[in-house]
Amino acid sequence: MKNTTELAEGKIRPLMRKYFIPAFVGVVVNSLYNIVDRIYIGQGVGAEALAGVSVIFPIMLIMMGFSMLIGIGAGVMVSISLGRRDIPRAEKTLGTSVVLMVVVSLLMTVLGFVIKGPVLRSFGATETTYQYANDYLDIILFGVVFQVLGFSLNNIIRSEGNARLAMISMLLSAGINIILDPLFIFVFDMGVKGAAWATLISMVVLTFWVMAHFRSDRSEIRLKREFLYVDFPVMMDILAIGMAPFAMQIAGSVVQGLLNKKLILFGGDLAVGAMGIINSVTTLVVMTIVALNMAAQPIIGFNYGARSPERVREALGLSLRFATYIAIASFLVLEIFPGPMVWLFNSSSEELQQITIRGLRIYILAYPVVGYMVVAGNFFQSIGKAGLSMFMTLLRQVLILLPFLVMFPSFWGLTGIWVAFPVSDFLASLVVAWLLVREWRRLDHIRPATESSPAAPAPYETPHNG
């Protein structure tokens, strides 16, 4: 058990660096799924097609939300179980999660086809953009099961301490997507359908790759037939922890739906396209911080399960520090040089570029405080306090942001939409800082493992919600 020994005894800073590099490559490459689609569609098909694909963004958030609900929840439980050296519990978690992934994704596919028309219109599809959005979504819905399985199982690979393999998985899948995108869009002249088929094929490859891992000797835990059923207590633990990132994605989808409506009202289809570009650009920043979280999650989860508070605190401290560095550096670069990033997505519409540059500069005004908020949410999730993690997510993306999205445009039009984001980020950051400081102090109450009270094997405890 090389990986688990490393998590228990390795120096935290080198361990974080070792896990961060493959996690960073993995999440950036994963982000390229939608970003590359938008670049090729914006440059090769046009601004209207880019706006149509941007309408799909809330639906993609929902799909990713279910992947996170199961994948991150199961990943945290696997990390904690490995910290307690409870291999059967970890393998039972894996088996239950796979069954859940298949059932949930099939339900999403069926429901998606039934309600896609009203959903697309409610998320802002207009007569100009509806056909583009519908063509893309039709194909993506067929691949929901592969998206959920591929993403979720790859997260569990990372949670067992195998960050390098998780990175290779994403490189393989995204590499296929990047190669097929221009081939289908330009050579075969398939337009947005070509971008969707490229994404679907890459998801299929990822799924078979990660499934093979859990049937091989490379894995710390194995996918066994006897565990391929839904164990109700394990399922509840998975859902309890995964509920926070799930809520984040669903909240993001609701916000994006309302946002698209407001953008169309105050800025038209081009404003929706601008938001699509802003989402793509800022996703790269947030995903870099998420990579820090992915590096820290197995370390924090394992050592919290092993009752090693100092190692938990050190991993958290490093994550907070470097997340803040990344957020500040990104803020400065995007404020000073927004043009090249925007031009990458569309170089033919000067009006679209102007709307996007102005919106981006306002949108990121509070980015220096976003870094530690993202880390804080992951920390509470990693130690099993799903309730707090979910509260912080809903506070920022729903409780504060939604009222501002309703009110501000009435006073300042399109500018008011952009302003709502930094204001909500700043106000939420004050609450998150207080919660984080409180939990930092509480780490002292974790009883360290001793010879008379070993960390392994320890009786399993259901994670609490705050």
Protein backbone atom coordinates (compact mmCIF):
# COMPACT_ATOMS: atom_id res chain seq x y z
CA MET A 1 0.00 0.00 0.00
CA LYS A 2 2.56 2.53 -1.16
CA ASN A 3 0.01 5.31 -1.72
CA THR A 4 -1.56 5.03 1.74
CA THR A 5 1.85 4.92 3.47
CA GLU A 6 2.79 8.06 1.58
CA LEU A 7 -0.42 9.81 2.68
CA ALA A 8 0.23 8.90 6.31
CA GLU A 9 3.95 9.63 6.57
CA GLY A 10 5.17 11.70 3.60
CA LYS A 11 6.14 15.35 4.05
CA ILE A 12 3.13 17.50 3.24
CA ARG A 13 4.69 20.11 0.94
CA PRO A 14 6.42 17.61 -1.42
CA LEU A 15 3.30 15.46 -1.28
CA MET A 16 1.10 18.41 -2.26
CA ARG A 17 3.47 19.25 -5.10
CA LYS A 18 3.48 15.66 -6.30
CA TYR A 19 -0.33 15.50 -6.32
CA PHE A 20 -0.88 19.04 -7.62
CA ILE A 21 0.99 18.72 -10.90
CA PRO A 22 -1.03 15.79 -12.27
CA ALA A 23 -4.23 17.23 -10.79
CA PHE A 24 -3.54 20.58 -12.47
CA VAL A 25 -2.88 18.96 -15.83
CA GLY A 26 -5.98 16.82 -15.37
CA VAL A 27 -8.43 19.61 -14.52
CA VAL A 28 -7.10 22.00 -17.14
CA VAL A 29 -7.34 19.30 -19.75
CA ASN A 30 -10.83 18.42 -18.48
CA SER A 31 -11.84 22.07 -18.80
CA LEU A 32 -10.76 21.95 -22.43
CA TYR A 33 -13.79 19.79 -23.24
CA ASN A 34 -16.14 22.76 -23.31
CA ILE A 35 -13.53 25.46 -23.89
CA VAL A 36 -12.14 23.89 -27.05
CA ASP A 37 -15.69 23.32 -28.30
CA ARG A 38 -16.45 27.00 -27.81
CA ILE A 39 -13.23 28.14 -29.47
CA TYR A 40 -13.80 26.04 -32.59
CA ILE A 41 -17.52 26.85 -32.72
CA GLY A 42 -16.95 30.58 -32.17
CA GLN A 43 -14.24 30.78 -34.81
CA GLY A 44 -15.62 28.25 -37.31
CA VAL A 45 -19.41 28.47 -37.07
CA GLY A 46 -20.09 31.96 -35.71
CA ALA A 47 -21.18 34.12 -32.79
CA GLU A 48 -24.80 32.84 -32.91
CA ALA A 49 -23.65 29.23 -32.67
CA LEU A 50 -21.39 30.17 -29.75
CA ALA A 51 -24.39 31.75 -28.01
CA GLY A 52 -26.45 28.61 -28.69
CA VAL A 53 -23.83 26.31 -27.14
CA SER A 54 -23.53 28.73 -24.20
CA VAL A 55 -27.25 28.19 -23.53
CA ILE A 56 -26.38 24.52 -22.87
CA PHE A 57 -24.01 25.52 -20.04
CA PRO A 58 -26.63 25.26 -17.23
CA ILE A 59 -27.55 21.77 -18.44
CA MET A 60 -23.89 20.72 -18.49
CA LEU A 61 -23.62 22.02 -14.92
CA ILE A 62 -26.48 19.76 -13.87
CA MET A 63 -24.82 16.74 -15.50
CA MET A 64 -21.54 17.56 -13.82
CA GLY A 65 -23.41 18.07 -10.55
CA PHE A 66 -24.58 14.46 -10.53
CA SER A 67 -21.04 13.34 -11.37
CA MET A 68 -19.79 15.28 -8.36
CA LEU A 69 -22.62 14.08 -6.12
CA ILE A 70 -21.46 10.49 -6.54
CA GLY A 71 -17.80 10.82 -7.57
CA ILE A 72 -16.65 13.31 -4.97
CA GLY A 73 -18.80 11.79 -2.23
CA ALA A 74 -17.40 8.33 -2.96
CA GLY A 75 -13.87 9.72 -3.31
CA VAL A 76 -13.92 11.33 0.12
CA MET A 77 -15.31 8.15 1.68
CA VAL A 78 -12.61 6.06 0.00
CA SER A 79 -9.89 8.41 1.32
CA ILE A 80 -11.26 8.28 4.87
CA SER A 81 -11.69 4.49 4.71
CA LEU A 82 -8.12 4.03 3.48
CA GLY A 83 -6.95 6.29 6.32
CA ARG A 84 -8.62 3.83 8.70
CA ARG A 85 -7.21 0.89 6.70
CA ASP A 86 -10.75 -0.33 6.14
CA ILE A 87 -10.30 -1.78 2.62
CA PRO A 88 -13.63 -3.68 2.55
CA ARG A 89 -15.48 -0.45 3.32
CA ALA A 90 -13.60 1.37 0.54
CA GLU A 91 -14.42 -1.39 -1.98
CA LYS A 92 -18.05 -1.46 -0.92
CA THR A 93 -18.12 2.32 -1.47
CA LEU A 94 -16.71 1.85 -4.96
CA GLY A 95 -19.26 -0.83 -5.88
CA THR A 96 -22.21 1.15 -4.57
CA SER A 97 -21.05 4.29 -6.35
CA VAL A 98 -20.79 2.52 -9.73
CA VAL A 99 -24.36 1.24 -9.48
CA LEU A 100 -25.55 4.72 -8.51
CA MET A 101 -23.68 6.28 -11.44
CA VAL A 102 -25.37 4.02 -13.99
CA VAL A 103 -28.88 4.39 -12.55
CA VAL A 104 -28.70 8.17 -12.13
CA SER A 105 -27.19 8.80 -15.57
CA LEU A 106 -29.82 6.67 -17.35
CA LEU A 107 -32.57 8.56 -15.56
CA MET A 108 -30.98 11.87 -16.58
CA THR A 109 -30.81 10.77 -20.22
CA VAL A 110 -34.48 9.79 -20.38
CA LEU A 111 -35.65 12.88 -18.51
CA GLY A 112 -33.41 15.10 -20.60
CA PHE A 113 -35.02 14.03 -23.86
CA VAL A 114 -38.51 14.45 -22.39
CA ILE A 115 -38.09 18.02 -21.14
CA LYS A 116 -35.26 19.42 -23.29
CA GLY A 117 -37.48 21.80 -25.28
CA PRO A 118 -38.92 23.76 -22.34
CA VAL A 119 -35.58 23.60 -20.53
CA LEU A 120 -33.65 25.13 -23.43
CA ARG A 121 -36.15 27.96 -23.72
CA SER A 122 -36.15 28.56 -19.97
CA PHE A 123 -32.35 28.79 -20.06
CA GLY A 124 -32.41 31.48 -22.72
CA ALA A 125 -32.52 29.82 -26.15
CA THR A 126 -34.04 32.17 -28.74
CA GLU A 127 -35.26 31.60 -32.31
CA THR A 128 -31.73 32.40 -33.49
CA THR A 129 -29.88 30.06 -31.13
CA TYR A 130 -32.36 27.25 -30.37
CA GLN A 131 -31.38 24.92 -33.22
CA TYR A 132 -27.68 25.15 -32.37
CA ALA A 133 -28.40 24.36 -28.72
CA ASN A 134 -30.75 21.49 -29.58
CA ASP A 135 -28.32 19.88 -32.05
CA TYR A 136 -25.54 19.90 -29.46
CA LEU A 137 -27.71 18.68 -26.58
CA ASP A 138 -29.23 15.75 -28.52
CA ILE A 139 -25.82 14.14 -28.87
CA ILE A 140 -24.54 15.01 -25.39
CA LEU A 141 -27.59 13.40 -23.74
CA PHE A 142 -26.63 10.03 -25.26
CA GLY A 143 -23.30 10.30 -23.47
CA VAL A 144 -24.46 11.17 -19.96
CA VAL A 145 -23.67 7.69 -18.60
CA PHE A 146 -20.11 7.95 -19.93
CA GLN A 147 -19.62 11.45 -18.54
CA VAL A 148 -20.81 10.42 -15.08
CA LEU A 149 -18.84 7.16 -14.96
CA GLY A 150 -15.66 8.63 -16.43
CA PHE A 151 -15.50 11.74 -14.26
CA SER A 152 -16.64 10.05 -11.04
CA LEU A 153 -14.36 7.01 -11.24
CA ASN A 154 -11.39 9.16 -12.19
CA ASN A 155 -11.99 11.20 -9.05
CA ILE A 156 -11.92 7.99 -6.99
CA ILE A 157 -8.60 7.06 -8.64
CA ARG A 158 -7.24 10.38 -7.41
CA SER A 159 -8.71 9.84 -3.94
CA GLU A 160 -6.86 6.56 -3.52
CA GLY A 161 -3.62 8.52 -4.00
CA ASN A 162 -3.03 7.69 -7.68
CA ALA A 163 -2.90 11.26 -8.98
CA ARG A 164 -0.57 10.49 -11.90
CA LEU A 165 -2.94 7.92 -13.39
CA ALA A 166 -5.88 10.31 -12.95
CA MET A 167 -3.90 12.88 -14.93
CA ILE A 168 -3.11 10.39 -17.70
CA SER A 169 -6.80 9.52 -17.91
CA MET A 170 -7.78 13.12 -18.55
CA LEU A 171 -4.93 13.68 -20.99
CA LEU A 172 -6.06 10.69 -23.00
CA SER A 173 -9.71 11.70 -23.09
CA ALA A 174 -9.24 15.43 -23.71
CA GLY A 175 -6.52 14.76 -26.27
CA ILE A 176 -9.00 12.72 -28.30
CA ASN A 177 -11.55 15.53 -28.00
CA ILE A 178 -9.07 18.18 -29.14
CA ILE A 179 -8.03 16.09 -32.16
CA LEU A 180 -11.58 15.20 -33.21
CA ASP A 181 -13.06 18.71 -32.78
CA PRO A 182 -11.44 20.37 -35.84
CA LEU A 183 -11.76 17.16 -37.83
CA PHE A 184 -15.54 16.93 -37.32
CA ILE A 185 -16.28 20.68 -37.39
CA PHE A 186 -14.12 21.76 -40.33
CA VAL A 187 -13.12 18.70 -42.38
CA PHE A 188 -16.49 16.90 -42.17
CA ASP A 189 -18.41 20.21 -41.92
CA MET A 190 -20.60 18.93 -39.04
CA GLY A 191 -20.78 22.26 -37.14
CA VAL A 192 -21.94 22.08 -33.54
CA LYS A 193 -22.91 18.43 -34.01
CA GLY A 194 -19.27 17.65 -34.75
CA ALA A 195 -18.18 19.28 -31.50
CA ALA A 196 -20.73 17.24 -29.57
CA TRP A 197 -19.69 13.95 -31.22
CA ALA A 198 -16.04 14.67 -30.43
CA THR A 199 -16.93 15.19 -26.76
CA LEU A 200 -19.05 12.03 -26.63
CA ILE A 201 -16.35 9.81 -28.13
CA SER A 202 -13.74 11.14 -25.70
CA MET A 203 -16.08 10.38 -22.76
CA VAL A 204 -16.53 6.79 -23.95
CA VAL A 205 -12.77 6.28 -24.08
CA LEU A 206 -12.33 7.74 -20.58
CA THR A 207 -15.00 5.45 -19.14
CA PHE A 208 -13.47 2.25 -20.46
CA TRP A 209 -10.01 3.37 -19.34
CA VAL A 210 -10.97 4.04 -15.71
CA MET A 211 -13.14 0.94 -15.47
CA ALA A 212 -10.15 -1.15 -16.54
CA HIS A 213 -8.05 0.41 -13.78
CA PHE A 214 -10.36 -0.78 -11.01
CA ARG A 215 -10.23 -4.31 -12.37
CA SER A 216 -6.41 -4.32 -12.43
CA ASP A 217 -3.65 -4.82 -9.86
CA ARG A 218 -2.67 -1.14 -10.13
CA SER A 219 -5.59 -0.07 -7.98
CA GLU A 220 -5.46 0.21 -4.19
CA ILE A 221 -9.05 -1.06 -4.20
CA ARG A 222 -10.80 -3.36 -6.66
CA LEU A 223 -14.19 -3.22 -8.34
CA LYS A 224 -15.63 -6.59 -7.24
CA ARG A 225 -18.83 -8.26 -8.37
CA GLU A 226 -19.94 -8.95 -4.79
CA PHE A 227 -20.02 -5.21 -4.09
CA LEU A 228 -21.98 -4.22 -7.22
CA TYR A 229 -25.18 -3.39 -5.39
CA VAL A 230 -26.54 -0.40 -3.50
CA ASP A 231 -25.61 -0.62 0.18
CA PHE A 232 -28.03 1.86 1.74
CA PRO A 233 -25.80 3.17 4.60
CA VAL A 234 -22.88 3.58 2.19
CA MET A 235 -25.13 5.32 -0.32
CA MET A 236 -26.32 7.78 2.31
CA ASP A 237 -22.71 8.56 3.29
CA ILE A 238 -21.78 9.16 -0.36
CA LEU A 239 -24.78 11.42 -0.94
CA ALA A 240 -24.24 13.32 2.32
CA ILE A 241 -20.71 14.33 1.37
CA GLY A 242 -21.38 14.73 -2.35
CA MET A 243 -24.40 16.95 -1.69
CA ALA A 244 -22.25 20.07 -1.27
CA PRO A 245 -20.61 20.02 -4.74
CA PHE A 246 -23.91 18.82 -6.18
CA ALA A 247 -25.69 21.80 -4.65
CA MET A 248 -22.97 24.05 -6.05
CA GLN A 249 -23.55 22.78 -9.57
CA ILE A 250 -27.34 22.89 -9.34
CA ALA A 251 -27.20 26.37 -7.85
CA GLY A 252 -24.86 27.35 -10.66
CA SER A 253 -27.35 26.00 -13.18
CA VAL A 254 -30.25 27.95 -11.66
CA VAL A 255 -28.16 31.11 -11.59
CA GLN A 256 -27.00 30.56 -15.16
CA GLY A 257 -30.57 30.08 -16.33
CA LEU A 258 -31.69 33.34 -14.73
CA LEU A 259 -28.50 34.99 -15.93
CA ASN A 260 -29.16 34.01 -19.55
CA LYS A 261 -32.65 35.49 -19.32
CA LYS A 262 -31.27 38.76 -17.94
CA LEU A 263 -28.47 38.84 -20.51
CA ILE A 264 -30.94 38.47 -23.38
CA LEU A 265 -33.19 41.15 -21.90
CA PHE A 266 -30.43 43.72 -21.39
CA GLY A 267 -27.81 42.69 -23.97
CA GLY A 268 -29.27 40.23 -26.49
CA ASP A 269 -27.77 37.01 -27.84
CA LEU A 270 -24.29 38.53 -28.00
CA ALA A 271 -24.34 39.10 -24.24
CA VAL A 272 -25.07 35.38 -23.76
CA GLY A 273 -22.11 34.60 -26.00
CA ALA A 274 -19.98 37.00 -23.97
CA MET A 275 -20.96 35.20 -20.78
CA GLY A 276 -19.97 31.93 -22.42
CA ILE A 277 -16.51 33.32 -23.09
CA ILE A 278 -16.22 34.75 -19.56
CA ASN A 279 -17.19 31.39 -18.10
CA SER A 280 -14.55 29.67 -20.21
CA VAL A 281 -11.79 32.10 -19.25
CA THR A 282 -12.57 32.13 -15.53
CA THR A 283 -13.02 28.36 -15.50
CA LEU A 284 -9.29 28.02 -16.16
CA VAL A 285 -8.58 30.11 -13.06
CA VAL A 286 -11.03 28.27 -10.81
CA MET A 287 -9.89 24.89 -12.12
CA THR A 288 -6.31 25.72 -11.13
CA ILE A 289 -7.52 26.22 -7.57
CA VAL A 290 -9.63 23.08 -7.84
CA ALA A 291 -6.40 21.26 -8.72
CA LEU A 292 -5.03 22.40 -5.36
CA ASN A 293 -8.14 20.96 -3.75
CA MET A 294 -7.67 17.68 -5.58
CA ALA A 295 -4.08 17.53 -4.37
CA ALA A 296 -5.12 18.27 -0.79
CA GLN A 297 -8.31 16.17 -0.60
CA PRO A 298 -6.73 12.70 -0.25
CA ILE A 299 -4.17 14.09 2.20
CA ILE A 300 -6.78 15.86 4.32
CA GLY A 301 -9.34 13.06 4.13
CA PHE A 302 -6.82 10.31 4.92
CA ASN A 303 -5.20 12.14 7.84
CA TYR A 304 -8.52 13.30 9.25
CA GLY A 305 -9.59 9.65 9.22
CA ALA A 306 -6.22 8.71 10.77
CA ARG A 307 -6.66 11.47 13.42
CA SER A 308 -3.53 13.47 12.53
CA PRO A 309 -4.62 17.10 13.04
CA GLU A 310 -1.25 18.72 12.37
CA ARG A 311 -0.99 17.10 8.96
CA VAL A 312 -4.55 18.20 8.17
CA ARG A 313 -3.75 21.76 9.24
CA GLU A 314 -0.52 21.88 7.22
CA ALA A 315 -2.23 20.68 4.02
CA LEU A 316 -5.05 23.19 4.51
CA GLY A 317 -2.65 26.05 5.17
CA LEU A 318 -0.65 25.37 2.02
CA SER A 319 -3.85 25.15 -0.03
CA LEU A 320 -5.12 28.48 1.29
CA ARG A 321 -1.84 30.26 0.67
CA PHE A 322 -1.30 29.10 -2.90
CA ALA A 323 -4.97 29.47 -3.84
CA THR A 324 -4.73 33.13 -2.86
CA TYR A 325 -1.54 33.57 -4.91
CA ILE A 326 -3.25 32.03 -7.95
CA ALA A 327 -6.37 34.16 -7.53
CA ILE A 328 -4.44 37.43 -7.23
CA ALA A 329 -2.12 36.66 -10.14
CA SER A 330 -5.06 35.70 -12.37
CA PHE A 331 -6.94 38.84 -11.40
CA LEU A 332 -4.00 41.04 -12.43
CA VAL A 333 -3.41 39.28 -15.75
CA LEU A 334 -7.07 39.34 -16.79
CA GLU A 335 -7.57 42.97 -15.76
CA ILE A 336 -4.49 44.12 -17.69
CA PHE A 337 -4.64 41.80 -20.72
CA PRO A 338 -8.26 40.69 -21.32
CA GLY A 339 -8.16 41.18 -25.10
CA PRO A 340 -6.05 38.16 -26.20
CA MET A 341 -8.17 35.74 -24.16
CA VAL A 342 -11.39 37.09 -25.65
CA TRP A 343 -10.01 37.15 -29.21
CA LEU A 344 -9.17 33.45 -28.89
CA PHE A 345 -12.88 32.62 -28.85
CA ASN A 346 -14.08 35.00 -31.56
CA SER A 347 -12.08 37.32 -33.79
CA SER A 348 -14.82 38.33 -36.24
CA SER A 349 -17.34 40.24 -34.09
CA GLU A 350 -15.95 43.46 -32.64
CA GLU A 351 -19.18 44.09 -30.73
CA LEU A 352 -18.95 40.69 -29.01
CA GLN A 353 -15.33 41.39 -28.06
CA GLN A 354 -16.19 44.78 -26.54
CA ILE A 355 -19.08 43.38 -24.48
CA THR A 356 -16.94 40.50 -23.24
CA ILE A 357 -13.89 42.57 -22.26
CA ARG A 358 -15.98 45.04 -20.24
CA GLY A 359 -17.95 42.24 -18.59
CA LEU A 360 -14.83 40.22 -17.75
CA ARG A 361 -13.09 43.13 -16.05
CA ILE A 362 -16.07 43.76 -13.78
CA TYR A 363 -16.88 40.08 -13.20
CA ILE A 364 -13.44 39.32 -11.66
CA LEU A 365 -13.14 42.35 -9.35
CA ALA A 366 -13.44 40.17 -6.22
CA TYR A 367 -11.25 37.34 -7.52
CA PRO A 368 -8.48 37.91 -4.94
CA VAL A 369 -10.84 36.49 -2.25
CA VAL A 370 -12.32 33.69 -4.38
CA GLY A 371 -9.30 31.43 -3.95
CA TYR A 372 -9.65 30.75 -0.26
CA MET A 373 -13.43 30.33 -0.57
CA VAL A 374 -12.98 27.49 -3.06
CA VAL A 375 -10.41 25.85 -0.76
CA ALA A 376 -12.65 26.26 2.29
CA GLY A 377 -15.54 24.47 0.60
CA ASN A 378 -13.29 21.56 -0.34
CA PHE A 379 -11.85 21.38 3.19
CA PHE A 380 -15.23 20.97 4.89
CA GLN A 381 -16.20 18.45 2.26
CA SER A 382 -12.95 16.48 2.75
CA ILE A 383 -13.49 16.08 6.49
CA GLY A 384 -17.10 14.98 6.01
CA LYS A 385 -18.81 18.24 7.07
CA ALA A 386 -21.02 18.40 4.01
CA GLY A 387 -23.58 20.71 5.60
CA LEU A 388 -21.12 23.56 6.06
CA SER A 389 -19.66 23.09 2.60
CA MET A 390 -23.12 23.22 1.05
CA PHE A 391 -24.10 26.28 3.08
CA MET A 392 -21.05 28.20 1.88
CA THR A 393 -21.85 27.28 -1.71
CA LEU A 394 -25.50 28.29 -1.49
CA LEU A 395 -24.59 31.49 0.35
CA ARG A 396 -22.36 32.68 -2.46
CA GLN A 397 -24.25 31.41 -5.51
CA VAL A 398 -27.88 31.66 -4.42
CA LEU A 399 -28.67 33.51 -1.21
CA ILE A 400 -26.57 36.56 -2.07
CA LEU A 401 -26.10 36.46 -5.84
CA LEU A 402 -29.66 35.80 -7.03
CA PRO A 403 -31.22 38.89 -5.38
CA PHE A 404 -28.48 41.07 -6.86
CA LEU A 405 -29.03 39.59 -10.33
CA VAL A 406 -32.68 40.56 -10.01
CA MET A 407 -32.12 44.06 -8.60
CA PHE A 408 -28.94 45.47 -10.13
CA PRO A 409 -29.91 45.30 -13.85
CA SER A 410 -32.97 47.43 -13.07
CA PHE A 411 -30.59 50.24 -12.10
CA TRP A 412 -27.53 49.71 -14.31
CA GLY A 413 -28.66 47.44 -17.17
CA LEU A 414 -26.05 44.99 -18.47
CA THR A 415 -23.40 46.53 -16.20
CA GLY A 416 -25.55 45.65 -13.20
CA ILE A 417 -25.42 41.97 -14.19
CA TRP A 418 -21.62 42.00 -14.20
CA VAL A 419 -21.45 43.93 -10.91
CA ALA A 420 -23.62 41.37 -9.07
CA PHE A 421 -20.84 38.78 -9.16
CA PRO A 422 -18.00 40.61 -7.36
CA VAL A 423 -20.39 42.06 -4.78
CA SER A 424 -21.74 38.62 -3.87
CA ASP A 425 -18.22 37.12 -3.81
CA PHE A 426 -16.96 39.77 -1.40
CA LEU A 427 -19.91 39.50 1.01
CA ALA A 428 -19.76 35.69 1.03
CA SER A 429 -16.00 35.77 1.68
CA LEU A 430 -16.57 37.44 5.06
CA VAL A 431 -18.79 34.61 6.29
CA VAL A 432 -16.52 31.91 4.87
CA ALA A 433 -13.48 33.44 6.60
CA TRP A 434 -15.25 33.24 9.97
CA LEU A 435 -16.30 29.61 9.46
CA LEU A 436 -12.82 28.62 8.35
CA VAL A 437 -11.09 30.22 11.34
CA ARG A 438 -13.53 28.49 13.68
CA GLU A 439 -12.88 25.07 12.16
CA TRP A 440 -9.10 25.64 12.15
CA ARG A 441 -9.25 26.02 15.92
CA ARG A 442 -11.46 22.95 16.31
CA LEU A 443 -8.85 20.75 14.67
CA ASP A 444 -7.06 20.69 18.02
CA HIS A 445 -9.88 18.52 19.33
CA ILE A 446 -9.11 15.66 16.94
CA ARG A 447 -7.65 12.94 19.17
CA PRO A 448 -4.31 11.86 17.65
CA ALA A 449 -3.72 8.14 17.15
CA THR A 450 -1.67 6.42 19.83
CA GLU A 451 -0.54 2.87 20.46
CA SER A 452 -3.42 2.39 22.86
CA SER A 453 -5.84 4.08 20.49
CA PRO A 454 -4.62 3.26 17.01
CA ALA A 455 -5.91 4.78 13.84
CA ALA A 456 -6.35 1.34 12.34
CA PRO A 457 -8.52 -0.47 12.35
CA ALA A 458 -10.99 2.10 13.68
CA PRO A 459 -14.75 1.70 13.74
CA TYR A 460 -16.36 3.53 10.89
CA GLU A 461 -18.23 6.70 11.78
CA THR A 462 -20.77 8.31 9.53
CA PRO A 463 -19.62 11.83 8.58
CA HIS A 464 -21.63 14.56 10.21
CA ASN A 465 -23.01 17.62 8.51
CA GLY A 466 -21.48 20.39 10.49
